[in-house]
Amino acid sequence: MAIVPPGKGVPARYAAFSGIWAGQLDGMYEGKLAVLTVSSGGQVTVSYAWGDVADNKPGVADGSGRIVGNTLKLGRLPNGADITFAMLPDGTLAATYTLAGQTYKGQFARQ
């Protein structure tokens, strides 16, 4: 997996999302986010991997998203999940993962 460093024209608040992140949702469901590219307009390409989440089997999905303010919203994953990541002042991401009417939350740290 190749992370492309953000170019000079990418605002620092967007560039901060670049890289590989890992965390847990509800303290038990593993997830990893790779923000592969970040554009100057806040568009991103990503790869997201998840472990077992409730009755949903582990998987990996490539996709895209957009950063608005301090929040990265991914496009809907193939399993139907919607995910957002909000950049916190301490440099971690607050994740919200919604699937089949259930919402899971957690914190992701840069790897």
PDB file of N, CA and C in Angstrom:
ATOM      1  N   MET A   1       0.855  -1.169   0.000  1.00  0.00           N
ATOM      2  CA  MET A   1       0.000   0.000   0.000  1.00  0.00           C
ATOM      3  C   MET A   1       0.898   1.227   0.000  1.00  0.00           C
ATOM      4  N   ALA A   2       0.684   2.109  -0.931  1.00  0.00           N
ATOM      5  CA  ALA A   2       1.542   3.290  -1.060  1.00  0.00           C
ATOM      6  C   ALA A   2       0.796   4.549  -0.651  1.00  0.00           C
ATOM      7  N   ILE A   3       1.356   5.238   0.331  1.00  0.00           N
ATOM      8  CA  ILE A   3       0.835   6.536   0.748  1.00  0.00           C
ATOM      9  C   ILE A   3       1.572   7.586  -0.073  1.00  0.00           C
ATOM     10  N   VAL A   4       0.829   8.429  -0.778  1.00  0.00           N
ATOM     11  CA  VAL A   4       1.427   9.510  -1.559  1.00  0.00           C
ATOM     12  C   VAL A   4       1.438  10.754  -0.675  1.00  0.00           C
ATOM     13  N   PRO A   5       2.613  11.278  -0.328  1.00  0.00           N
ATOM     14  CA  PRO A   5       2.660  12.472   0.522  1.00  0.00           C
ATOM     15  C   PRO A   5       1.895  13.625  -0.121  1.00  0.00           C
ATOM     16  N   PRO A   6       1.123  14.364   0.691  1.00  0.00           N
ATOM     17  CA  PRO A   6       0.387  15.500   0.140  1.00  0.00           C
ATOM     18  C   PRO A   6       1.332  16.527  -0.478  1.00  0.00           C
ATOM     19  N   GLY A   7       0.900  17.114  -1.576  1.00  0.00           N
ATOM     20  CA  GLY A   7       1.695  18.141  -2.250  1.00  0.00           C
ATOM     21  C   GLY A   7       1.724  19.440  -1.475  1.00  0.00           C
ATOM     22  N   LYS A   8       2.573  20.352  -1.948  1.00  0.00           N
ATOM     23  CA  LYS A   8       2.742  21.648  -1.268  1.00  0.00           C
ATOM     24  C   LYS A   8       1.460  22.474  -1.227  1.00  0.00           C
ATOM     25  N   GLY A   9       0.562  22.286  -2.202  1.00  0.00           N
ATOM     26  CA  GLY A   9      -0.674  23.067  -2.253  1.00  0.00           C
ATOM     27  C   GLY A   9      -1.790  22.531  -1.366  1.00  0.00           C
ATOM     28  N   VAL A  10      -1.549  21.424  -0.647  1.00  0.00           N
ATOM     29  CA  VAL A  10      -2.581  20.840   0.210  1.00  0.00           C
ATOM     30  C   VAL A  10      -2.534  21.517   1.574  1.00  0.00           C
ATOM     31  N   PRO A  11      -3.668  22.119   2.019  1.00  0.00           N
ATOM     32  CA  PRO A  11      -3.679  22.764   3.335  1.00  0.00           C
ATOM     33  C   PRO A  11      -3.286  21.789   4.446  1.00  0.00           C
ATOM     34  N   ALA A  12      -2.583  22.288   5.445  1.00  0.00           N
ATOM     35  CA  ALA A  12      -2.097  21.455   6.548  1.00  0.00           C
ATOM     36  C   ALA A  12      -3.232  20.696   7.229  1.00  0.00           C
ATOM     37  N   ARG A  13      -4.413  21.309   7.326  1.00  0.00           N
ATOM     38  CA  ARG A  13      -5.529  20.643   8.014  1.00  0.00           C
ATOM     39  C   ARG A  13      -6.009  19.422   7.235  1.00  0.00           C
ATOM     40  N   TYR A  14      -5.807  19.399   5.915  1.00  0.00           N
ATOM     41  CA  TYR A  14      -6.134  18.226   5.099  1.00  0.00           C
ATOM     42  C   TYR A  14      -4.975  17.225   5.116  1.00  0.00           C
ATOM     43  N   ALA A  15      -3.760  17.740   4.994  1.00  0.00           N
ATOM     44  CA  ALA A  15      -2.570  16.883   4.967  1.00  0.00           C
ATOM     45  C   ALA A  15      -2.456  16.052   6.247  1.00  0.00           C
ATOM     46  N   ALA A  16      -2.979  16.564   7.351  1.00  0.00           N
ATOM     47  CA  ALA A  16      -2.895  15.863   8.633  1.00  0.00           C
ATOM     48  C   ALA A  16      -3.568  14.492   8.596  1.00  0.00           C
ATOM     49  N   PHE A  17      -4.492  14.270   7.666  1.00  0.00           N
ATOM     50  CA  PHE A  17      -5.196  12.989   7.569  1.00  0.00           C
ATOM     51  C   PHE A  17      -4.373  11.921   6.846  1.00  0.00           C
ATOM     52  N   SER A  18      -3.354  12.320   6.111  1.00  0.00           N
ATOM     53  CA  SER A  18      -2.570  11.390   5.309  1.00  0.00           C
ATOM     54  C   SER A  18      -1.878  10.349   6.199  1.00  0.00           C
ATOM     55  N   GLY A  19      -1.858   9.094   5.740  1.00  0.00           N
ATOM     56  CA  GLY A  19      -1.138   8.060   6.468  1.00  0.00           C
ATOM     57  C   GLY A  19      -2.017   6.888   6.853  1.00  0.00           C
ATOM     58  N   ILE A  20      -1.463   6.045   7.717  1.00  0.00           N
ATOM     59  CA  ILE A  20      -2.161   4.839   8.161  1.00  0.00           C
ATOM     60  C   ILE A  20      -2.581   5.019   9.619  1.00  0.00           C
ATOM     61  N   TRP A  21      -3.827   4.676   9.890  1.00  0.00           N
ATOM     62  CA  TRP A  21      -4.444   4.850  11.196  1.00  0.00           C
ATOM     63  C   TRP A  21      -5.034   3.511  11.647  1.00  0.00           C
ATOM     64  N   ALA A  22      -5.025   3.244  12.927  1.00  0.00           N
ATOM     65  CA  ALA A  22      -5.631   2.016  13.450  1.00  0.00           C
ATOM     66  C   ALA A  22      -6.324   2.317  14.772  1.00  0.00           C
ATOM     67  N   GLY A  23      -7.392   1.569  15.028  1.00  0.00           N
ATOM     68  CA  GLY A  23      -8.120   1.753  16.275  1.00  0.00           C
ATOM     69  C   GLY A  23      -9.163   0.683  16.463  1.00  0.00           C
ATOM     70  N   GLN A  24      -9.985   0.901  17.477  1.00  0.00           N
ATOM     71  CA  GLN A  24     -11.064  -0.022  17.783  1.00  0.00           C
ATOM     72  C   GLN A  24     -12.364   0.747  17.888  1.00  0.00           C
ATOM     73  N   LEU A  25     -13.427   0.092  17.443  1.00  0.00           N
ATOM     74  CA  LEU A  25     -14.775   0.632  17.585  1.00  0.00           C
ATOM     75  C   LEU A  25     -15.418  -0.062  18.778  1.00  0.00           C
ATOM     76  N   ASP A  26     -16.027   0.724  19.649  1.00  0.00           N
ATOM     77  CA  ASP A  26     -16.649   0.212  20.871  1.00  0.00           C
ATOM     78  C   ASP A  26     -15.690  -0.658  21.683  1.00  0.00           C
ATOM     79  N   GLY A  27     -14.383  -0.394  21.562  1.00  0.00           N
ATOM     80  CA  GLY A  27     -13.388  -1.099  22.355  1.00  0.00           C
ATOM     81  C   GLY A  27     -13.178  -2.558  21.989  1.00  0.00           C
ATOM     82  N   MET A  28     -13.796  -3.025  20.878  1.00  0.00           N
ATOM     83  CA  MET A  28     -13.641  -4.443  20.549  1.00  0.00           C
ATOM     84  C   MET A  28     -13.559  -4.758  19.067  1.00  0.00           C
ATOM     85  N   TYR A  29     -13.926  -3.849  18.188  1.00  0.00           N
ATOM     86  CA  TYR A  29     -13.919  -4.121  16.756  1.00  0.00           C
ATOM     87  C   TYR A  29     -12.751  -3.388  16.100  1.00  0.00           C
ATOM     88  N   GLU A  30     -11.807  -4.145  15.561  1.00  0.00           N
ATOM     89  CA  GLU A  30     -10.598  -3.579  14.967  1.00  0.00           C
ATOM     90  C   GLU A  30     -10.889  -2.908  13.625  1.00  0.00           C
ATOM     91  N   GLY A  31     -10.180  -1.825  13.351  1.00  0.00           N
ATOM     92  CA  GLY A  31     -10.272  -1.160  12.059  1.00  0.00           C
ATOM     93  C   GLY A  31      -8.957  -0.501  11.704  1.00  0.00           C
ATOM     94  N   LYS A  32      -8.670  -0.416  10.405  1.00  0.00           N
ATOM     95  CA  LYS A  32      -7.488   0.300   9.921  1.00  0.00           C
ATOM     96  C   LYS A  32      -7.904   1.155   8.732  1.00  0.00           C
ATOM     97  N   LEU A  33      -7.404   2.373   8.726  1.00  0.00           N
ATOM     98  CA  LEU A  33      -7.674   3.328   7.656  1.00  0.00           C
ATOM     99  C   LEU A  33      -6.352   3.753   7.049  1.00  0.00           C
ATOM    100  N   ALA A  34      -6.237   3.630   5.731  1.00  0.00           N
ATOM    101  CA  ALA A  34      -5.077   4.153   5.018  1.00  0.00           C
ATOM    102  C   ALA A  34      -5.570   5.281   4.123  1.00  0.00           C
ATOM    103  N   VAL A  35      -5.135   6.503   4.415  1.00  0.00           N
ATOM    104  CA  VAL A  35      -5.458   7.650   3.567  1.00  0.00           C
ATOM    105  C   VAL A  35      -4.303   7.757   2.573  1.00  0.00           C
ATOM    106  N   LEU A  36      -4.571   7.302   1.343  1.00  0.00           N
ATOM    107  CA  LEU A  36      -3.533   7.142   0.332  1.00  0.00           C
ATOM    108  C   LEU A  36      -3.158   8.439  -0.350  1.00  0.00           C
ATOM    109  N   THR A  37      -4.155   9.243  -0.702  1.00  0.00           N
ATOM    110  CA  THR A  37      -3.903  10.537  -1.341  1.00  0.00           C
ATOM    111  C   THR A  37      -4.836  11.580  -0.743  1.00  0.00           C
ATOM    112  N   VAL A  38      -4.360  12.828  -0.741  1.00  0.00           N
ATOM    113  CA  VAL A  38      -5.156  13.966  -0.281  1.00  0.00           C
ATOM    114  C   VAL A  38      -4.949  15.091  -1.286  1.00  0.00           C
ATOM    115  N   SER A  39      -6.041  15.627  -1.820  1.00  0.00           N
ATOM    116  CA  SER A  39      -5.932  16.729  -2.782  1.00  0.00           C
ATOM    117  C   SER A  39      -6.077  18.071  -2.074  1.00  0.00           C
ATOM    118  N   SER A  40      -5.736  19.136  -2.787  1.00  0.00           N
ATOM    119  CA  SER A  40      -5.827  20.476  -2.205  1.00  0.00           C
ATOM    120  C   SER A  40      -7.271  20.868  -1.901  1.00  0.00           C
ATOM    121  N   GLY A  41      -8.237  20.215  -2.547  1.00  0.00           N
ATOM    122  CA  GLY A  41      -9.647  20.498  -2.290  1.00  0.00           C
ATOM    123  C   GLY A  41     -10.269  19.609  -1.224  1.00  0.00           C
ATOM    124  N   GLY A  42      -9.466  18.723  -0.625  1.00  0.00           N
ATOM    125  CA  GLY A  42      -9.975  17.868   0.444  1.00  0.00           C
ATOM    126  C   GLY A  42     -10.477  16.507  -0.012  1.00  0.00           C
ATOM    127  N   GLN A  43     -10.333  16.184  -1.287  1.00  0.00           N
ATOM    128  CA  GLN A  43     -10.706  14.850  -1.771  1.00  0.00           C
ATOM    129  C   GLN A  43      -9.621  13.864  -1.357  1.00  0.00           C
ATOM    130  N   VAL A  44     -10.026  12.657  -0.952  1.00  0.00           N
ATOM    131  CA  VAL A  44      -9.065  11.639  -0.548  1.00  0.00           C
ATOM    132  C   VAL A  44      -9.380  10.311  -1.230  1.00  0.00           C
ATOM    133  N   THR A  45      -8.348   9.481  -1.374  1.00  0.00           N
ATOM    134  CA  THR A  45      -8.540   8.081  -1.721  1.00  0.00           C
ATOM    135  C   THR A  45      -8.067   7.288  -0.515  1.00  0.00           C
ATOM    136  N   VAL A  46      -8.786   6.210  -0.223  1.00  0.00           N
ATOM    137  CA  VAL A  46      -8.532   5.462   1.002  1.00  0.00           C
ATOM    138  C   VAL A  46      -8.651   3.962   0.768  1.00  0.00           C
ATOM    139  N   SER A  47      -8.150   3.233   1.730  1.00  0.00           N
ATOM    140  CA  SER A  47      -8.420   1.811   1.859  1.00  0.00           C
ATOM    141  C   SER A  47      -8.793   1.613   3.320  1.00  0.00           C
ATOM    142  N   TYR A  48      -9.918   0.942   3.568  1.00  0.00           N
ATOM    143  CA  TYR A  48     -10.369   0.715   4.939  1.00  0.00           C
ATOM    144  C   TYR A  48     -10.508  -0.787   5.158  1.00  0.00           C
ATOM    145  N   ALA A  49      -9.929  -1.283   6.231  1.00  0.00           N
ATOM    146  CA  ALA A  49     -10.018  -2.700   6.587  1.00  0.00           C
ATOM    147  C   ALA A  49     -10.695  -2.821   7.941  1.00  0.00           C
ATOM    148  N   TRP A  50     -11.566  -3.821   8.065  1.00  0.00           N
ATOM    149  CA  TRP A  50     -12.278  -4.027   9.319  1.00  0.00           C
ATOM    150  C   TRP A  50     -12.242  -5.496   9.706  1.00  0.00           C
ATOM    151  N   GLY A  51     -12.296  -5.719  10.997  1.00  0.00           N
ATOM    152  CA  GLY A  51     -12.427  -7.075  11.516  1.00  0.00           C
ATOM    153  C   GLY A  51     -13.906  -7.390  11.668  1.00  0.00           C
ATOM    154  N   ASP A  52     -14.216  -8.386  12.471  1.00  0.00           N
ATOM    155  CA  ASP A  52     -15.623  -8.701  12.736  1.00  0.00           C
ATOM    156  C   ASP A  52     -16.290  -7.487  13.368  1.00  0.00           C
ATOM    157  N   VAL A  53     -17.407  -7.055  12.809  1.00  0.00           N
ATOM    158  CA  VAL A  53     -18.226  -5.997  13.393  1.00  0.00           C
ATOM    159  C   VAL A  53     -19.627  -6.581  13.484  1.00  0.00           C
ATOM    160  N   ALA A  54     -20.041  -6.886  14.712  1.00  0.00           N
ATOM    161  CA  ALA A  54     -21.321  -7.564  14.942  1.00  0.00           C
ATOM    162  C   ALA A  54     -21.337  -8.831  14.091  1.00  0.00           C
ATOM    163  N   ASP A  55     -22.304  -8.996  13.185  1.00  0.00           N
ATOM    164  CA  ASP A  55     -22.348 -10.203  12.354  1.00  0.00           C
ATOM    165  C   ASP A  55     -21.731  -9.983  10.971  1.00  0.00           C
ATOM    166  N   ASN A  56     -21.025  -8.873  10.787  1.00  0.00           N
ATOM    167  CA  ASN A  56     -20.384  -8.551   9.518  1.00  0.00           C
ATOM    168  C   ASN A  56     -18.967  -9.115   9.526  1.00  0.00           C
ATOM    169  N   LYS A  57     -18.623  -9.895   8.528  1.00  0.00           N
ATOM    170  CA  LYS A  57     -17.312 -10.541   8.439  1.00  0.00           C
ATOM    171  C   LYS A  57     -16.216  -9.533   8.084  1.00  0.00           C
ATOM    172  N   PRO A  58     -14.949  -9.854   8.415  1.00  0.00           N
ATOM    173  CA  PRO A  58     -13.833  -8.965   8.078  1.00  0.00           C
ATOM    174  C   PRO A  58     -13.743  -8.702   6.577  1.00  0.00           C
ATOM    175  N   GLY A  59     -13.206  -7.524   6.240  1.00  0.00           N
ATOM    176  CA  GLY A  59     -13.043  -7.186   4.837  1.00  0.00           C
ATOM    177  C   GLY A  59     -12.168  -5.963   4.644  1.00  0.00           C
ATOM    178  N   VAL A  60     -11.954  -5.641   3.377  1.00  0.00           N
ATOM    179  CA  VAL A  60     -11.178  -4.469   2.975  1.00  0.00           C
ATOM    180  C   VAL A  60     -11.914  -3.815   1.825  1.00  0.00           C
ATOM    181  N   ALA A  61     -11.971  -2.486   1.829  1.00  0.00           N
ATOM    182  CA  ALA A  61     -12.606  -1.760   0.730  1.00  0.00           C
ATOM    183  C   ALA A  61     -11.759  -0.555   0.363  1.00  0.00           C
ATOM    184  N   ASP A  62     -11.566  -0.364  -0.941  1.00  0.00           N
ATOM    185  CA  ASP A  62     -10.927   0.849  -1.444  1.00  0.00           C
ATOM    186  C   ASP A  62     -12.032   1.822  -1.800  1.00  0.00           C
ATOM    187  N   GLY A  63     -11.765   3.093  -1.595  1.00  0.00           N
ATOM    188  CA  GLY A  63     -12.798   4.069  -1.896  1.00  0.00           C
ATOM    189  C   GLY A  63     -12.259   5.480  -1.883  1.00  0.00           C
ATOM    190  N   SER A  64     -13.188   6.386  -1.719  1.00  0.00           N
ATOM    191  CA  SER A  64     -12.837   7.803  -1.705  1.00  0.00           C
ATOM    192  C   SER A  64     -13.655   8.486  -0.627  1.00  0.00           C
ATOM    193  N   GLY A  65     -13.307   9.722  -0.396  1.00  0.00           N
ATOM    194  CA  GLY A  65     -14.013  10.509   0.600  1.00  0.00           C
ATOM    195  C   GLY A  65     -13.667  11.971   0.437  1.00  0.00           C
ATOM    196  N   ARG A  66     -14.170  12.759   1.363  1.00  0.00           N
ATOM    197  CA  ARG A  66     -13.937  14.197   1.317  1.00  0.00           C
ATOM    198  C   ARG A  66     -13.784  14.721   2.733  1.00  0.00           C
ATOM    199  N   ILE A  67     -12.829  15.630   2.885  1.00  0.00           N
ATOM    200  CA  ILE A  67     -12.623  16.303   4.161  1.00  0.00           C
ATOM    201  C   ILE A  67     -13.372  17.632   4.115  1.00  0.00           C
ATOM    202  N   VAL A  68     -14.226  17.833   5.102  1.00  0.00           N
ATOM    203  CA  VAL A  68     -14.928  19.104   5.256  1.00  0.00           C
ATOM    204  C   VAL A  68     -14.670  19.561   6.682  1.00  0.00           C
ATOM    205  N   GLY A  69     -14.066  20.738   6.827  1.00  0.00           N
ATOM    206  CA  GLY A  69     -13.683  21.207   8.156  1.00  0.00           C
ATOM    207  C   GLY A  69     -12.640  20.263   8.734  1.00  0.00           C
ATOM    208  N   ASN A  70     -12.963  19.641   9.876  1.00  0.00           N
ATOM    209  CA  ASN A  70     -12.019  18.708  10.494  1.00  0.00           C
ATOM    210  C   ASN A  70     -12.507  17.259  10.384  1.00  0.00           C
ATOM    211  N   THR A  71     -13.449  16.990   9.463  1.00  0.00           N
ATOM    212  CA  THR A  71     -14.041  15.655   9.366  1.00  0.00           C
ATOM    213  C   THR A  71     -13.880  15.057   7.982  1.00  0.00           C
ATOM    214  N   LEU A  72     -13.409  13.813   7.958  1.00  0.00           N
ATOM    215  CA  LEU A  72     -13.295  13.029   6.729  1.00  0.00           C
ATOM    216  C   LEU A  72     -14.488  12.089   6.676  1.00  0.00           C
ATOM    217  N   LYS A  73     -15.289  12.210   5.610  1.00  0.00           N
ATOM    218  CA  LYS A  73     -16.422  11.314   5.407  1.00  0.00           C
ATOM    219  C   LYS A  73     -16.115  10.432   4.216  1.00  0.00           C
ATOM    220  N   LEU A  74     -16.114   9.120   4.465  1.00  0.00           N
ATOM    221  CA  LEU A  74     -15.882   8.176   3.383  1.00  0.00           C
ATOM    222  C   LEU A  74     -17.171   7.942   2.604  1.00  0.00           C
ATOM    223  N   GLY A  75     -17.017   7.578   1.330  1.00  0.00           N
ATOM    224  CA  GLY A  75     -18.164   7.111   0.574  1.00  0.00           C
ATOM    225  C   GLY A  75     -18.634   5.795   1.184  1.00  0.00           C
ATOM    226  N   ARG A  76     -19.895   5.439   0.974  1.00  0.00           N
ATOM    227  CA  ARG A  76     -20.438   4.199   1.556  1.00  0.00           C
ATOM    228  C   ARG A  76     -19.604   2.993   1.137  1.00  0.00           C
ATOM    229  N   LEU A  77     -19.260   2.147   2.116  1.00  0.00           N
ATOM    230  CA  LEU A  77     -18.489   0.945   1.845  1.00  0.00           C
ATOM    231  C   LEU A  77     -19.379  -0.115   1.187  1.00  0.00           C
ATOM    232  N   PRO A  78     -18.774  -1.082   0.498  1.00  0.00           N
ATOM    233  CA  PRO A  78     -19.564  -2.140  -0.149  1.00  0.00           C
ATOM    234  C   PRO A  78     -20.441  -2.936   0.828  1.00  0.00           C
ATOM    235  N   ASN A  79     -20.056  -2.984   2.112  1.00  0.00           N
ATOM    236  CA  ASN A  79     -20.871  -3.700   3.098  1.00  0.00           C
ATOM    237  C   ASN A  79     -22.027  -2.847   3.614  1.00  0.00           C
ATOM    238  N   GLY A  80     -22.162  -1.599   3.094  1.00  0.00           N
ATOM    239  CA  GLY A  80     -23.246  -0.708   3.498  1.00  0.00           C
ATOM    240  C   GLY A  80     -22.911   0.224   4.637  1.00  0.00           C
ATOM    241  N   ALA A  81     -21.684   0.174   5.138  1.00  0.00           N
ATOM    242  CA  ALA A  81     -21.290   1.014   6.273  1.00  0.00           C
ATOM    243  C   ALA A  81     -20.988   2.444   5.830  1.00  0.00           C
ATOM    244  N   ASP A  82     -21.348   3.391   6.689  1.00  0.00           N
ATOM    245  CA  ASP A  82     -20.980   4.798   6.539  1.00  0.00           C
ATOM    246  C   ASP A  82     -20.010   5.125   7.665  1.00  0.00           C
ATOM    247  N   ILE A  83     -18.883   5.777   7.311  1.00  0.00           N
ATOM    248  CA  ILE A  83     -17.864   6.070   8.314  1.00  0.00           C
ATOM    249  C   ILE A  83     -17.408   7.518   8.201  1.00  0.00           C
ATOM    250  N   THR A  84     -17.245   8.165   9.357  1.00  0.00           N
ATOM    251  CA  THR A  84     -16.627   9.484   9.413  1.00  0.00           C
ATOM    252  C   THR A  84     -15.485   9.427  10.424  1.00  0.00           C
ATOM    253  N   PHE A  85     -14.487  10.277  10.176  1.00  0.00           N
ATOM    254  CA  PHE A  85     -13.333  10.409  11.065  1.00  0.00           C
ATOM    255  C   PHE A  85     -13.132  11.897  11.335  1.00  0.00           C
ATOM    256  N   ALA A  86     -13.247  12.303  12.596  1.00  0.00           N
ATOM    257  CA  ALA A  86     -13.039  13.708  12.971  1.00  0.00           C
ATOM    258  C   ALA A  86     -11.662  13.838  13.614  1.00  0.00           C
ATOM    259  N   MET A  87     -10.867  14.789  13.114  1.00  0.00           N
ATOM    260  CA  MET A  87      -9.542  15.050  13.674  1.00  0.00           C
ATOM    261  C   MET A  87      -9.709  15.748  15.022  1.00  0.00           C
ATOM    262  N   LEU A  88      -9.130  15.165  16.060  1.00  0.00           N
ATOM    263  CA  LEU A  88      -9.194  15.732  17.401  1.00  0.00           C
ATOM    264  C   LEU A  88      -7.949  16.578  17.666  1.00  0.00           C
ATOM    265  N   PRO A  89      -8.020  17.490  18.652  1.00  0.00           N
ATOM    266  CA  PRO A  89      -6.865  18.349  18.944  1.00  0.00           C
ATOM    267  C   PRO A  89      -5.582  17.583  19.268  1.00  0.00           C
ATOM    268  N   ASP A  90      -5.693  16.365  19.800  1.00  0.00           N
ATOM    269  CA  ASP A  90      -4.496  15.594  20.146  1.00  0.00           C
ATOM    270  C   ASP A  90      -3.912  14.827  18.958  1.00  0.00           C
ATOM    271  N   GLY A  91      -4.496  15.016  17.749  1.00  0.00           N
ATOM    272  CA  GLY A  91      -3.961  14.375  16.559  1.00  0.00           C
ATOM    273  C   GLY A  91      -4.480  12.970  16.316  1.00  0.00           C
ATOM    274  N   THR A  92      -5.463  12.529  17.097  1.00  0.00           N
ATOM    275  CA  THR A  92      -6.104  11.243  16.843  1.00  0.00           C
ATOM    276  C   THR A  92      -7.400  11.488  16.077  1.00  0.00           C
ATOM    277  N   LEU A  93      -7.995  10.408  15.588  1.00  0.00           N
ATOM    278  CA  LEU A  93      -9.252  10.505  14.850  1.00  0.00           C
ATOM    279  C   LEU A  93     -10.378   9.872  15.661  1.00  0.00           C
ATOM    280  N   ALA A  94     -11.491  10.579  15.784  1.00  0.00           N
ATOM    281  CA  ALA A  94     -12.695  10.025  16.403  1.00  0.00           C
ATOM    282  C   ALA A  94     -13.520   9.411  15.274  1.00  0.00           C
ATOM    283  N   ALA A  95     -13.672   8.088  15.314  1.00  0.00           N
ATOM    284  CA  ALA A  95     -14.374   7.365  14.253  1.00  0.00           C
ATOM    285  C   ALA A  95     -15.818   7.104  14.647  1.00  0.00           C
ATOM    286  N   THR A  96     -16.713   7.254  13.673  1.00  0.00           N
ATOM    287  CA  THR A  96     -18.114   6.868  13.826  1.00  0.00           C
ATOM    288  C   THR A  96     -18.450   5.966  12.654  1.00  0.00           C
ATOM    289  N   TYR A  97     -18.852   4.732  12.953  1.00  0.00           N
ATOM    290  CA  TYR A  97     -19.106   3.689  11.959  1.00  0.00           C
ATOM    291  C   TYR A  97     -20.553   3.276  12.121  1.00  0.00           C
ATOM    292  N   THR A  98     -21.370   3.477  11.067  1.00  0.00           N
ATOM    293  CA  THR A  98     -22.783   3.131  11.126  1.00  0.00           C
ATOM    294  C   THR A  98     -23.073   2.040  10.111  1.00  0.00           C
ATOM    295  N   LEU A  99     -23.683   0.956  10.599  1.00  0.00           N
ATOM    296  CA  LEU A  99     -24.006  -0.192   9.757  1.00  0.00           C
ATOM    297  C   LEU A  99     -25.304  -0.811  10.250  1.00  0.00           C
ATOM    298  N   ALA A 100     -26.247  -0.997   9.335  1.00  0.00           N
ATOM    299  CA  ALA A 100     -27.517  -1.673   9.634  1.00  0.00           C
ATOM    300  C   ALA A 100     -28.211  -1.075  10.863  1.00  0.00           C
ATOM    301  N   GLY A 101     -28.229   0.265  10.935  1.00  0.00           N
ATOM    302  CA  GLY A 101     -28.924   0.935  12.017  1.00  0.00           C
ATOM    303  C   GLY A 101     -28.185   0.985  13.344  1.00  0.00           C
ATOM    304  N   GLN A 102     -26.994   0.401  13.415  1.00  0.00           N
ATOM    305  CA  GLN A 102     -26.188   0.429  14.630  1.00  0.00           C
ATOM    306  C   GLN A 102     -25.023   1.380  14.427  1.00  0.00           C
ATOM    307  N   THR A 103     -24.663   2.118  15.473  1.00  0.00           N
ATOM    308  CA  THR A 103     -23.532   3.039  15.407  1.00  0.00           C
ATOM    309  C   THR A 103     -22.470   2.599  16.404  1.00  0.00           C
ATOM    310  N   TYR A 104     -21.230   2.558  15.912  1.00  0.00           N
ATOM    311  CA  TYR A 104     -20.073   2.176  16.716  1.00  0.00           C
ATOM    312  C   TYR A 104     -19.104   3.350  16.699  1.00  0.00           C
ATOM    313  N   LYS A 105     -18.474   3.609  17.842  1.00  0.00           N
ATOM    314  CA  LYS A 105     -17.544   4.734  17.934  1.00  0.00           C
ATOM    315  C   LYS A 105     -16.217   4.273  18.500  1.00  0.00           C
ATOM    316  N   GLY A 106     -15.180   5.003  18.118  1.00  0.00           N
ATOM    317  CA  GLY A 106     -13.861   4.675  18.636  1.00  0.00           C
ATOM    318  C   GLY A 106     -12.852   5.730  18.271  1.00  0.00           C
ATOM    319  N   GLN A 107     -11.624   5.491  18.683  1.00  0.00           N
ATOM    320  CA  GLN A 107     -10.538   6.419  18.422  1.00  0.00           C
ATOM    321  C   GLN A 107      -9.438   5.699  17.650  1.00  0.00           C
ATOM    322  N   PHE A 108      -8.913   6.363  16.620  1.00  0.00           N
ATOM    323  CA  PHE A 108      -7.856   5.795  15.781  1.00  0.00           C
ATOM    324  C   PHE A 108      -6.602   6.646  15.951  1.00  0.00           C
ATOM    325  N   ALA A 109      -5.454   5.994  16.015  1.00  0.00           N
ATOM    326  CA  ALA A 109      -4.167   6.680  16.149  1.00  0.00           C
ATOM    327  C   ALA A 109      -3.318   6.395  14.911  1.00  0.00           C
ATOM    328  N   ARG A 110      -2.462   7.353  14.585  1.00  0.00           N
ATOM    329  CA  ARG A 110      -1.552   7.188  13.450  1.00  0.00           C
ATOM    330  C   ARG A 110      -0.576   6.056  13.743  1.00  0.00           C
ATOM    331  N   GLN A 111      -0.312   5.252  12.735  1.00  0.00           N
ATOM    332  CA  GLN A 111       0.616   4.118  12.881  1.00  0.00           C
ATOM    333  C   GLN A 111       1.985   4.471  12.349  1.00  0.00           C
TER     334      GLN A 111
END
